[in-house]
Each structure stands twice: as structure tokens, then as C-alpha cells.
Amino acid sequence: MTYATQPSEERLRKLASGLGHDFANILAGILGNLHLAQTSLPKDSPVLEDLAEVESAARGGLALVRKIQLYAGRTKMLLVPLSLNALVSAEKARLVELSAGAALELSLEDDLPEIAGDGDLLKDVISSLVSNAREAIGERTGGRIRLATAAEGEEVRLEISDNGDGM
């Protein structure tokens, strides 16, 4: 079967995989040179703060590459033990931004057991659900989005609710 006769979804996966690979190589070069710049500067250099922002953006690009390669079937989900509460807490500033005017309430149960998950994918799912909740609230004043974690035995639950009318 030639490239032209492959089903379009398979062609898209191959294209995504190739682009992801090329982009990862570009980001590797950026991160390598960034590391050299960071280690060559004095510890009190004001430029280090800017370089930290560049590093954060490049690492975000690598997370995007991972998603592209996951879609293309070139990589598998990376399941690691993680704390759902720590993940939600670390994303709080971003979630507040996504809630755009609605009050964001966190109710995180203490002593939640760790879960096996892909942190980047879980962040994306949580962000998407908060964005959807914000859309459901619309322009209404007094909007509220609530994220709650709970454990029942070894099961861990994340609930995201809002007081919107729906989409």
C-alpha cells in the first residue's frame, strides 16, 4: 500500500508522528543550549528568571509532542504513581485562569492514596473539564466551579461540578 492509498487516519498518524519527532529534536536543541546558558551565568543573574520561563515553555512543547506521539500510536501512556491532590494544587493558578471570573473552590481530601496515572494527560482532562464548566456558567454572575477529591478504599475520585445551566 502506498502513502496515497493509505486510509486518511493512518496518513494523519504518520504525519503527526513525523512532525512530533522533528519538533522534539528542535526542543532538545533548545533545552541543551538553555542549560549551557543557565550554567554559565552567575547565580544572581536577572536573566535566569527569563531563561526559566523559556525552559517552562520548552517543556510544555515536549508535553505536546508526547500527546502527538500518543495520538500517532508511537508512544504509550506513562503511568506513574502520583498524588491527585498535588497535581490539582500545582495546577491551581492555571485552573483559576481557566475559570475566568467564576469562583474556583478546591475541596481536597486529606491522605488521598496515590494513583497510577499520566500526569500530563490528567492535567489536560482537568483543564478541559474546568473550561467546559466555565462555558456552562456563561456570563452569569456568582458562577462557581468546584473540584473535589475523595477516596473510598483504594479508589480515588475527582469530581468537578459547576452551578451553570449547561452548554
Foldseek 3Di string as FASTA:
>chain_A
DDLVPDPPLLNLLVVLLVVLVVLLVVLVVVVVVLVVVLVVDPPPDPCNVVSVVVVVVSVVSNLVSVVSNVSSVNDDAQWDWDDPVVLCVVCVVVLVVLLPQEAEAEAEDPPQGTGTGRSSVVVVVVSVVSNQQSVQQPPDHNKYWYWYWDDDPNDIDIDIDIPGPGD
